[in-house]
Structure formats: structure tokens, C-alpha cells
Amino acid sequence: MEATALEKCRAFALELADVADAISMRHFGGPVPAVAKPDGTPVTEADRAIEHKLRERIAAAFPEHAVLGEEEGGVLAARRPTWVIDPIDGTRNFMRGIPIFATLIGLVVERVTVVGVASVPAMEERWDAAAGAGARLNGSPVGVSAIDQLADAQVLHGGLSWWRQDPDLWDLLGALADRAGRTRGFGDFWMHLLVAGGMAEVAIDRNLRPWDIAALSCIVTEAGGRATAWDGSPALTSGTLLCTNGLLHGDLQHLLA
């Protein structure tokens, strides 16, 4: 995608984030009612309203583009740019009045995210990136840290429950805790943005879908870090995500193997 077209798409993604923020903040202030989807995860009226409105805007502005969203589905089109939307990442936080939730918007071209936006309205943070143009927080450039030793690093993960599902994973968490300077279970989108902003060095996640990954992978990469699957392959459809400052990526891949 040419630079002019890419910048146009980034500007449009930021407009979509404005629309999403207005909807989510009308509902936020908990508790927010929800129903369970077939997979057991919760969905709120705000989730559905955001995705529906963003799809309308995309169809009007880019009728030739495809859309993949958490609530209404879709596919990653092979020959068309695809907007990938998570209307509210961190829905359980949103439901409980915890401000750590975001709308994630990515534009994927040929299986690579070329535009990423993570809008965190309750914390007044807007992260965005475009391929070759860097990453920003509230309009100011951000970058990953220069820490190159795991013993000095802050390692973030998605919480204890999924480590406990497999004895090997539980042992892996212990190995990380032994070797890392600090470990915390911040979870969801937030930990990956902390890597992009240089506040942490590693974020490890699993059981993900493309809408959990697309925007974040672009932001971390454009901030100077690396975002891959645990085995180093492209993350988008892998179900896993390893984000690092780049300097520690090899060490973490070795541990996760």
C-alpha cells in the first residue's frame, strides 16, 4: 500500500476510534450487563453497537474492503484489505468499571497489519501506528526499551488460569519467574502496549483470535519491538502472541519452545 493511501487509512482508523470511544463511554461506569456467547465469553450492548457502527463507516468509506470482527464474524480476505475489529478488548474489565479496556482496530493487507489503533478512552490514551511510520501515544512517538538482559526485564502475562491448564506451562511460568527481573499478570491488550511504550520488555499471551492480535502487532513492531507467535512465526492466525522489545525475543522463544 502506498504511503499516501496508508496515511489515509490511519486517519480513518483514528476516526473510527472516536466513534467507538463515544459509544463505550456512554455505557462505562459499571456494572454493565452482559450475556454469554456460545464460547462462554461475555458480550455487552456496547460491544455490539461499536462493531455495528464501525462496519457501517467502513462500508461507506471503503466498500471494496473486507471486515473481520469479534461479534459479527467475517474472514481475512486474501486479495482485499481487511479491517480487523475488537470492539471492546477487556470486556470483563469494562463490565466491572475497570478502565483498562480498549477498542482495537487493525488494517491487514496480505496477512500483515499495516495500520493499528488501540483506543483506551477511560484512561485517555490513544495508541496508533502505520507500517514504516512509527508508533504513537496520544500523537507523540513511542519506542521500546533498551533492556537486553532477562534478569532486568519486566515480563507480563495473561494471568494464572491458563498457565495452570498444562503442567508444562506451569513449569514454564516458574522458569520465567526465576529468570526475569519481575513478572506481572496484566493481561489483555494492555501488556502489549506497555512493551510498545518501553514500560515492560515482554508480553506473553495465548488463546487469541486475529482481532486480539492485529492492531497490537502493528503498534509493537512500529515501536521498534517484535510481535510473533511463540515459535517465531507470524502471529495473526496462530493463537499465540509474544511481544518483546526485540532484544529479548530470542531468549523468550527459546524458553517458550
C-alpha atoms as a PDB file:
ATOM      1  CA  MET A   1       0.000   0.000   0.000  1.00  0.00           C
ATOM      2  CA  GLU A   2       1.390   3.402  -0.983  1.00  0.00           C
ATOM      3  CA  ALA A   3       2.329   5.874   1.733  1.00  0.00           C
ATOM      4  CA  THR A   4      -0.480   8.312   0.882  1.00  0.00           C
ATOM      5  CA  ALA A   5      -3.111   5.581   0.961  1.00  0.00           C
ATOM      6  CA  LEU A   6      -1.640   4.217   4.184  1.00  0.00           C
ATOM      7  CA  GLU A   7      -1.832   7.587   5.906  1.00  0.00           C
ATOM      8  CA  LYS A   8      -5.403   7.981   4.717  1.00  0.00           C
ATOM      9  CA  CYS A   9      -6.261   4.621   6.269  1.00  0.00           C
ATOM     10  CA  ARG A  10      -4.539   5.534   9.539  1.00  0.00           C
ATOM     11  CA  ALA A  11      -6.503   8.784   9.731  1.00  0.00           C
ATOM     12  CA  PHE A  12      -9.700   6.858   9.047  1.00  0.00           C
ATOM     13  CA  ALA A  13      -8.870   4.303  11.768  1.00  0.00           C
ATOM     14  CA  LEU A  14      -8.470   7.170  14.234  1.00  0.00           C
ATOM     15  CA  GLU A  15     -11.889   8.464  13.206  1.00  0.00           C
ATOM     16  CA  LEU A  16     -13.323   5.000  13.838  1.00  0.00           C
ATOM     17  CA  ALA A  17     -11.736   5.069  17.289  1.00  0.00           C
ATOM     18  CA  ASP A  18     -13.524   8.352  18.033  1.00  0.00           C
ATOM     19  CA  VAL A  19     -16.834   6.713  17.150  1.00  0.00           C
ATOM     20  CA  ALA A  20     -16.054   3.677  19.311  1.00  0.00           C
ATOM     21  CA  ASP A  21     -14.970   5.790  22.282  1.00  0.00           C
ATOM     22  CA  ALA A  22     -18.204   7.758  22.258  1.00  0.00           C
ATOM     23  CA  ILE A  23     -20.235   4.555  22.421  1.00  0.00           C
ATOM     24  CA  SER A  24     -18.149   2.759  25.039  1.00  0.00           C
ATOM     25  CA  MET A  25     -18.008   5.741  27.379  1.00  0.00           C
ATOM     26  CA  ARG A  26     -21.790   6.130  27.251  1.00  0.00           C
ATOM     27  CA  HIS A  27     -22.044   2.656  28.740  1.00  0.00           C
ATOM     28  CA  PHE A  28     -18.991   2.653  31.016  1.00  0.00           C
ATOM     29  CA  GLY A  29     -19.310   3.266  34.725  1.00  0.00           C
ATOM     30  CA  GLY A  30     -20.270  -0.281  35.707  1.00  0.00           C
ATOM     31  CA  PRO A  31     -21.735  -2.589  36.383  1.00  0.00           C
ATOM     32  CA  VAL A  32     -22.601  -3.236  32.727  1.00  0.00           C
ATOM     33  CA  PRO A  33     -24.963  -6.139  31.937  1.00  0.00           C
ATOM     34  CA  ALA A  34     -23.798  -8.833  29.531  1.00  0.00           C
ATOM     35  CA  VAL A  35     -24.849 -12.145  28.053  1.00  0.00           C
ATOM     36  CA  ALA A  36     -22.680 -15.186  27.408  1.00  0.00           C
ATOM     37  CA  LYS A  37     -21.716 -16.098  23.850  1.00  0.00           C
ATOM     38  CA  PRO A  38     -21.534 -19.765  22.766  1.00  0.00           C
ATOM     39  CA  ASP A  39     -17.847 -19.853  23.724  1.00  0.00           C
ATOM     40  CA  GLY A  40     -18.692 -18.670  27.240  1.00  0.00           C
ATOM     41  CA  THR A  41     -17.181 -15.180  26.887  1.00  0.00           C
ATOM     42  CA  PRO A  42     -19.351 -12.162  27.714  1.00  0.00           C
ATOM     43  CA  VAL A  43     -20.707  -9.640  25.243  1.00  0.00           C
ATOM     44  CA  THR A  44     -22.354  -6.326  26.113  1.00  0.00           C
ATOM     45  CA  GLU A  45     -24.639  -3.999  24.218  1.00  0.00           C
ATOM     46  CA  ALA A  46     -21.644  -1.680  23.790  1.00  0.00           C
ATOM     47  CA  ASP A  47     -19.573  -4.410  22.080  1.00  0.00           C
ATOM     48  CA  ARG A  48     -22.292  -4.984  19.531  1.00  0.00           C
ATOM     49  CA  ALA A  49     -23.092  -1.312  18.996  1.00  0.00           C
ATOM     50  CA  ILE A  50     -19.454  -0.398  18.405  1.00  0.00           C
ATOM     51  CA  GLU A  51     -18.807  -3.103  15.862  1.00  0.00           C
ATOM     52  CA  HIS A  52     -22.064  -2.417  14.024  1.00  0.00           C
ATOM     53  CA  LYS A  53     -21.318   1.297  13.737  1.00  0.00           C
ATOM     54  CA  LEU A  54     -17.695   0.751  12.637  1.00  0.00           C
ATOM     55  CA  ARG A  55     -18.825  -1.680   9.958  1.00  0.00           C
ATOM     56  CA  GLU A  56     -21.242   0.942   8.651  1.00  0.00           C
ATOM     57  CA  ARG A  57     -18.470   3.543   8.485  1.00  0.00           C
ATOM     58  CA  ILE A  58     -16.053   1.153   6.740  1.00  0.00           C
ATOM     59  CA  ALA A  59     -18.648   0.099   4.174  1.00  0.00           C
ATOM     60  CA  ALA A  60     -19.331   3.739   3.331  1.00  0.00           C
ATOM     61  CA  ALA A  61     -15.672   4.803   3.093  1.00  0.00           C
ATOM     62  CA  PHE A  62     -14.050   1.639   1.703  1.00  0.00           C
ATOM     63  CA  PRO A  63     -16.741  -0.559   0.101  1.00  0.00           C
ATOM     64  CA  GLU A  64     -14.047  -2.687  -1.543  1.00  0.00           C
ATOM     65  CA  HIS A  65     -12.510  -3.668   1.811  1.00  0.00           C
ATOM     66  CA  ALA A  66     -13.438  -6.691   3.932  1.00  0.00           C
ATOM     67  CA  VAL A  67     -14.187  -6.708   7.665  1.00  0.00           C
ATOM     68  CA  LEU A  68     -13.463  -9.303  10.360  1.00  0.00           C
ATOM     69  CA  GLY A  69     -14.885  -8.579  13.807  1.00  0.00           C
ATOM     70  CA  GLU A  70     -15.305 -10.391  17.073  1.00  0.00           C
ATOM     71  CA  GLU A  71     -19.073 -10.029  17.233  1.00  0.00           C
ATOM     72  CA  GLU A  72     -20.219 -10.291  13.603  1.00  0.00           C
ATOM     73  CA  GLY A  73     -17.514 -12.508  12.128  1.00  0.00           C
ATOM     74  CA  GLY A  74     -16.049 -12.346   8.635  1.00  0.00           C
ATOM     75  CA  VAL A  75     -12.798 -13.587   7.126  1.00  0.00           C
ATOM     76  CA  LEU A  76      -9.292 -12.363   6.461  1.00  0.00           C
ATOM     77  CA  ALA A  77      -9.618 -11.761   2.742  1.00  0.00           C
ATOM     78  CA  ALA A  78      -6.684 -12.975   0.660  1.00  0.00           C
ATOM     79  CA  ARG A  79      -6.942 -10.333  -2.054  1.00  0.00           C
ATOM     80  CA  ARG A  80      -8.602  -7.406  -0.310  1.00  0.00           C
ATOM     81  CA  PRO A  81      -7.554  -5.232   2.620  1.00  0.00           C
ATOM     82  CA  THR A  82      -9.359  -6.398   5.761  1.00  0.00           C
ATOM     83  CA  TRP A  83     -10.328  -4.285   8.749  1.00  0.00           C
ATOM     84  CA  VAL A  84      -9.994  -6.373  11.906  1.00  0.00           C
ATOM     85  CA  ILE A  85     -12.020  -5.122  14.876  1.00  0.00           C
ATOM     86  CA  ASP A  86     -12.247  -5.967  18.541  1.00  0.00           C
ATOM     87  CA  PRO A  87     -14.966  -3.569  19.717  1.00  0.00           C
ATOM     88  CA  ILE A  88     -14.037  -3.934  23.394  1.00  0.00           C
ATOM     89  CA  ASP A  89     -10.938  -5.844  24.408  1.00  0.00           C
ATOM     90  CA  GLY A  90     -11.103  -6.349  28.158  1.00  0.00           C
ATOM     91  CA  THR A  91     -14.875  -6.761  28.287  1.00  0.00           C
ATOM     92  CA  ARG A  92     -14.821  -8.144  31.826  1.00  0.00           C
ATOM     93  CA  ASN A  93     -12.903  -5.070  32.987  1.00  0.00           C
ATOM     94  CA  PHE A  94     -15.420  -2.866  31.176  1.00  0.00           C
ATOM     95  CA  MET A  95     -18.307  -4.667  32.872  1.00  0.00           C
ATOM     96  CA  ARG A  96     -16.829  -4.110  36.336  1.00  0.00           C
ATOM     97  CA  GLY A  97     -15.965  -0.439  35.887  1.00  0.00           C
ATOM     98  CA  ILE A  98     -12.221  -1.063  35.499  1.00  0.00           C
ATOM     99  CA  PRO A  99     -10.793   1.459  32.994  1.00  0.00           C
ATOM    100  CA  ILE A 100      -8.399  -0.995  31.304  1.00  0.00           C
ATOM    101  CA  PHE A 101     -10.387  -1.751  28.151  1.00  0.00           C
ATOM    102  CA  ALA A 102      -9.839  -0.738  24.539  1.00  0.00           C
ATOM    103  CA  THR A 103     -11.196  -0.790  21.040  1.00  0.00           C
ATOM    104  CA  LEU A 104      -8.660  -2.456  18.726  1.00  0.00           C
ATOM    105  CA  ILE A 105      -8.694  -1.606  15.021  1.00  0.00           C
ATOM    106  CA  GLY A 106      -6.259  -3.097  12.524  1.00  0.00           C
ATOM    107  CA  LEU A 107      -5.980  -2.991   8.743  1.00  0.00           C
ATOM    108  CA  VAL A 108      -4.488  -6.187   7.337  1.00  0.00           C
ATOM    109  CA  VAL A 109      -3.066  -6.408   3.814  1.00  0.00           C
ATOM    110  CA  GLU A 110      -1.749  -9.767   2.622  1.00  0.00           C
ATOM    111  CA  ARG A 111      -1.714 -11.113   6.200  1.00  0.00           C
ATOM    112  CA  VAL A 112       0.336  -8.181   7.543  1.00  0.00           C
ATOM    113  CA  THR A 113      -1.184  -5.449   9.719  1.00  0.00           C
ATOM    114  CA  VAL A 114      -0.295  -2.112   8.131  1.00  0.00           C
ATOM    115  CA  VAL A 115      -2.377   0.128  10.427  1.00  0.00           C
ATOM    116  CA  GLY A 116      -3.100  -0.409  14.104  1.00  0.00           C
ATOM    117  CA  VAL A 117      -5.083   1.626  16.632  1.00  0.00           C
ATOM    118  CA  ALA A 118      -5.734   0.830  20.279  1.00  0.00           C
ATOM    119  CA  SER A 119      -8.043   3.362  21.886  1.00  0.00           C
ATOM    120  CA  VAL A 120      -8.331   3.337  25.688  1.00  0.00           C
ATOM    121  CA  PRO A 121     -10.898   6.067  26.361  1.00  0.00           C
ATOM    122  CA  ALA A 122     -11.343   5.656  30.111  1.00  0.00           C
ATOM    123  CA  MET A 123      -7.586   6.202  30.515  1.00  0.00           C
ATOM    124  CA  GLU A 124      -7.470   8.937  27.839  1.00  0.00           C
ATOM    125  CA  GLU A 125      -4.899   7.004  25.789  1.00  0.00           C
ATOM    126  CA  ARG A 126      -4.858   6.537  22.031  1.00  0.00           C
ATOM    127  CA  TRP A 127      -2.100   4.363  20.552  1.00  0.00           C
ATOM    128  CA  ASP A 128      -1.656   4.185  16.795  1.00  0.00           C
ATOM    129  CA  ALA A 129       0.832   3.006  14.197  1.00  0.00           C
ATOM    130  CA  ALA A 130       1.244   2.566  10.459  1.00  0.00           C
ATOM    131  CA  ALA A 131       3.768   0.480   8.574  1.00  0.00           C
ATOM    132  CA  GLY A 132       7.019   2.402   8.194  1.00  0.00           C
ATOM    133  CA  ALA A 133       5.657   5.449  10.042  1.00  0.00           C
ATOM    134  CA  GLY A 134       6.317   4.533  13.685  1.00  0.00           C
ATOM    135  CA  ALA A 135       4.042   4.233  16.697  1.00  0.00           C
ATOM    136  CA  ARG A 136       2.480   6.998  18.772  1.00  0.00           C
ATOM    137  CA  LEU A 137       0.727   7.522  22.079  1.00  0.00           C
ATOM    138  CA  ASN A 138      -1.636  10.500  22.043  1.00  0.00           C
ATOM    139  CA  GLY A 139       0.212  11.796  18.996  1.00  0.00           C
ATOM    140  CA  SER A 140       3.743  11.554  20.436  1.00  0.00           C
ATOM    141  CA  PRO A 141       6.256   8.916  19.243  1.00  0.00           C
ATOM    142  CA  VAL A 142       6.842   5.903  21.481  1.00  0.00           C
ATOM    143  CA  GLY A 143       9.501   3.212  21.448  1.00  0.00           C
ATOM    144  CA  VAL A 144      10.513   0.024  23.196  1.00  0.00           C
ATOM    145  CA  SER A 145      13.109  -0.172  25.962  1.00  0.00           C
ATOM    146  CA  ALA A 146      16.804  -0.943  25.528  1.00  0.00           C
ATOM    147  CA  ILE A 147      16.967  -3.594  28.279  1.00  0.00           C
ATOM    148  CA  ASP A 148      18.828  -6.613  26.927  1.00  0.00           C
ATOM    149  CA  GLN A 149      19.008  -8.912  29.950  1.00  0.00           C
ATOM    150  CA  LEU A 150      16.059 -11.012  31.080  1.00  0.00           C
ATOM    151  CA  ALA A 151      17.224 -10.580  34.669  1.00  0.00           C
ATOM    152  CA  ASP A 152      16.489  -6.862  34.343  1.00  0.00           C
ATOM    153  CA  ALA A 153      13.269  -7.229  32.377  1.00  0.00           C
ATOM    154  CA  GLN A 154       9.623  -6.836  33.289  1.00  0.00           C
ATOM    155  CA  VAL A 155       7.708  -9.833  31.872  1.00  0.00           C
ATOM    156  CA  LEU A 156       3.922  -9.639  31.594  1.00  0.00           C
ATOM    157  CA  HIS A 157       1.434 -12.449  31.056  1.00  0.00           C
ATOM    158  CA  GLY A 158      -2.296 -13.063  30.855  1.00  0.00           C
ATOM    159  CA  GLY A 159      -2.960 -14.423  34.331  1.00  0.00           C
ATOM    160  CA  LEU A 160      -2.529 -17.693  36.186  1.00  0.00           C
ATOM    161  CA  SER A 161      -5.540 -19.650  34.946  1.00  0.00           C
ATOM    162  CA  TRP A 162      -4.219 -20.651  31.547  1.00  0.00           C
ATOM    163  CA  TRP A 163      -0.757 -21.474  32.874  1.00  0.00           C
ATOM    164  CA  ARG A 164      -2.459 -23.943  35.232  1.00  0.00           C
ATOM    165  CA  GLN A 165      -4.152 -25.783  32.360  1.00  0.00           C
ATOM    166  CA  ASP A 166      -0.976 -27.677  31.460  1.00  0.00           C
ATOM    167  CA  PRO A 167       1.825 -28.848  33.804  1.00  0.00           C
ATOM    168  CA  ASP A 168       4.439 -27.873  31.207  1.00  0.00           C
ATOM    169  CA  LEU A 169       3.058 -24.338  31.058  1.00  0.00           C
ATOM    170  CA  TRP A 170       3.042 -24.110  34.848  1.00  0.00           C
ATOM    171  CA  ASP A 171       6.710 -25.105  34.880  1.00  0.00           C
ATOM    172  CA  LEU A 172       7.369 -22.526  32.162  1.00  0.00           C
ATOM    173  CA  LEU A 173       5.844 -19.769  34.293  1.00  0.00           C
ATOM    174  CA  GLY A 174       8.115 -20.841  37.131  1.00  0.00           C
ATOM    175  CA  ALA A 175      11.146 -20.674  34.847  1.00  0.00           C
ATOM    176  CA  LEU A 176      10.140 -17.181  33.715  1.00  0.00           C
ATOM    177  CA  ALA A 177       9.654 -16.048  37.314  1.00  0.00           C
ATOM    178  CA  ASP A 178      13.080 -17.408  38.229  1.00  0.00           C
ATOM    179  CA  ARG A 179      14.880 -15.687  35.356  1.00  0.00           C
ATOM    180  CA  ALA A 180      13.006 -12.412  34.890  1.00  0.00           C
ATOM    181  CA  GLY A 181      13.542  -9.303  36.945  1.00  0.00           C
ATOM    182  CA  ARG A 182       9.785  -9.036  37.552  1.00  0.00           C
ATOM    183  CA  THR A 183       6.621 -10.792  36.381  1.00  0.00           C
ATOM    184  CA  ARG A 184       3.074  -9.463  36.426  1.00  0.00           C
ATOM    185  CA  GLY A 185      -0.252 -10.728  35.043  1.00  0.00           C
ATOM    186  CA  PHE A 186      -1.679  -7.573  33.480  1.00  0.00           C
ATOM    187  CA  GLY A 187      -3.445  -9.394  30.637  1.00  0.00           C
ATOM    188  CA  ASP A 188      -5.429  -8.377  27.545  1.00  0.00           C
ATOM    189  CA  PHE A 189      -4.200  -5.633  25.196  1.00  0.00           C
ATOM    190  CA  TRP A 190      -2.641  -3.588  27.989  1.00  0.00           C
ATOM    191  CA  MET A 191       0.526  -5.616  28.485  1.00  0.00           C
ATOM    192  CA  HIS A 192       1.452  -5.449  24.805  1.00  0.00           C
ATOM    193  CA  LEU A 193       1.069  -1.672  24.752  1.00  0.00           C
ATOM    194  CA  LEU A 194       3.351  -1.444  27.788  1.00  0.00           C
ATOM    195  CA  VAL A 195       6.025  -3.224  25.738  1.00  0.00           C
ATOM    196  CA  ALA A 196       5.499  -0.774  22.867  1.00  0.00           C
ATOM    197  CA  GLY A 197       5.845   2.159  25.266  1.00  0.00           C
ATOM    198  CA  GLY A 198       9.038   0.868  26.908  1.00  0.00           C
ATOM    199  CA  MET A 199       7.402   0.253  30.307  1.00  0.00           C
ATOM    200  CA  ALA A 200       7.882  -3.521  30.019  1.00  0.00           C
ATOM    201  CA  GLU A 201      10.077  -5.778  27.897  1.00  0.00           C
ATOM    202  CA  VAL A 202       7.992  -8.914  27.298  1.00  0.00           C
ATOM    203  CA  ALA A 203       4.298  -9.785  26.987  1.00  0.00           C
ATOM    204  CA  ILE A 204       3.162 -13.383  26.525  1.00  0.00           C
ATOM    205  CA  ASP A 205      -0.365 -14.347  25.528  1.00  0.00           C
ATOM    206  CA  ARG A 206      -2.299 -17.319  24.145  1.00  0.00           C
ATOM    207  CA  ASN A 207      -5.814 -18.494  23.206  1.00  0.00           C
ATOM    208  CA  LEU A 208      -6.160 -15.463  20.936  1.00  0.00           C
ATOM    209  CA  ARG A 209      -8.046 -14.638  17.749  1.00  0.00           C
ATOM    210  CA  PRO A 210      -6.950 -12.301  14.936  1.00  0.00           C
ATOM    211  CA  TRP A 211      -8.899  -9.362  16.411  1.00  0.00           C
ATOM    212  CA  ASP A 212      -6.864  -9.695  19.611  1.00  0.00           C
ATOM    213  CA  ILE A 213      -3.597  -9.578  17.681  1.00  0.00           C
ATOM    214  CA  ALA A 214      -3.842  -7.422  14.555  1.00  0.00           C
ATOM    215  CA  ALA A 215      -3.670  -3.868  15.912  1.00  0.00           C
ATOM    216  CA  LEU A 216      -1.246  -4.710  18.718  1.00  0.00           C
ATOM    217  CA  SER A 217       1.270  -6.437  16.445  1.00  0.00           C
ATOM    218  CA  CYS A 218       1.500  -3.325  14.277  1.00  0.00           C
ATOM    219  CA  ILE A 219       1.917  -0.972  17.241  1.00  0.00           C
ATOM    220  CA  VAL A 220       4.637  -3.065  18.891  1.00  0.00           C
ATOM    221  CA  THR A 221       6.515  -3.588  15.624  1.00  0.00           C
ATOM    222  CA  GLU A 222       6.416   0.078  14.695  1.00  0.00           C
ATOM    223  CA  ALA A 223       7.614   0.967  18.195  1.00  0.00           C
ATOM    224  CA  GLY A 224      10.783  -0.989  17.422  1.00  0.00           C
ATOM    225  CA  GLY A 225       9.852  -4.296  19.023  1.00  0.00           C
ATOM    226  CA  ARG A 226       8.902  -7.720  17.712  1.00  0.00           C
ATOM    227  CA  ALA A 227       5.468  -9.367  17.682  1.00  0.00           C
ATOM    228  CA  THR A 228       5.300 -13.018  16.634  1.00  0.00           C
ATOM    229  CA  ALA A 229       3.727 -16.307  17.568  1.00  0.00           C
ATOM    230  CA  TRP A 230       5.515 -18.144  20.359  1.00  0.00           C
ATOM    231  CA  ASP A 231       7.536 -20.122  17.797  1.00  0.00           C
ATOM    232  CA  GLY A 232       8.581 -17.008  15.883  1.00  0.00           C
ATOM    233  CA  SER A 233       6.131 -17.455  13.007  1.00  0.00           C
ATOM    234  CA  PRO A 234       3.569 -14.777  12.032  1.00  0.00           C
ATOM    235  CA  ALA A 235       1.168 -14.296  14.921  1.00  0.00           C
ATOM    236  CA  LEU A 236      -2.054 -13.186  13.246  1.00  0.00           C
ATOM    237  CA  THR A 237      -3.773 -16.571  12.980  1.00  0.00           C
ATOM    238  CA  SER A 238      -1.507 -18.565  15.312  1.00  0.00           C
ATOM    239  CA  GLY A 239      -3.496 -18.187  18.535  1.00  0.00           C
ATOM    240  CA  THR A 240      -0.400 -17.055  20.450  1.00  0.00           C
ATOM    241  CA  LEU A 241       1.392 -13.732  20.751  1.00  0.00           C
ATOM    242  CA  LEU A 242       4.863 -12.920  22.003  1.00  0.00           C
ATOM    243  CA  CYS A 243       5.693  -9.213  22.074  1.00  0.00           C
ATOM    244  CA  THR A 244       9.138  -8.059  23.150  1.00  0.00           C
ATOM    245  CA  ASN A 245      11.466  -5.122  22.799  1.00  0.00           C
ATOM    246  CA  GLY A 246      13.290  -7.206  20.179  1.00  0.00           C
ATOM    247  CA  LEU A 247      16.451  -7.590  22.206  1.00  0.00           C
ATOM    248  CA  LEU A 248      14.938 -10.377  24.314  1.00  0.00           C
ATOM    249  CA  HIS A 249      12.905 -12.108  21.630  1.00  0.00           C
ATOM    250  CA  GLY A 250      15.341 -14.955  21.057  1.00  0.00           C
ATOM    251  CA  ASP A 251      15.616 -15.712  24.763  1.00  0.00           C
ATOM    252  CA  LEU A 252      11.842 -15.870  25.143  1.00  0.00           C
ATOM    253  CA  GLN A 253      11.364 -18.009  22.047  1.00  0.00           C
ATOM    254  CA  HIS A 254      13.869 -20.464  23.444  1.00  0.00           C
ATOM    255  CA  LEU A 255      12.003 -20.653  26.760  1.00  0.00           C
ATOM    256  CA  LEU A 256       8.591 -20.956  25.112  1.00  0.00           C
ATOM    257  CA  ALA A 257       9.779 -23.747  22.813  1.00  0.00           C
END
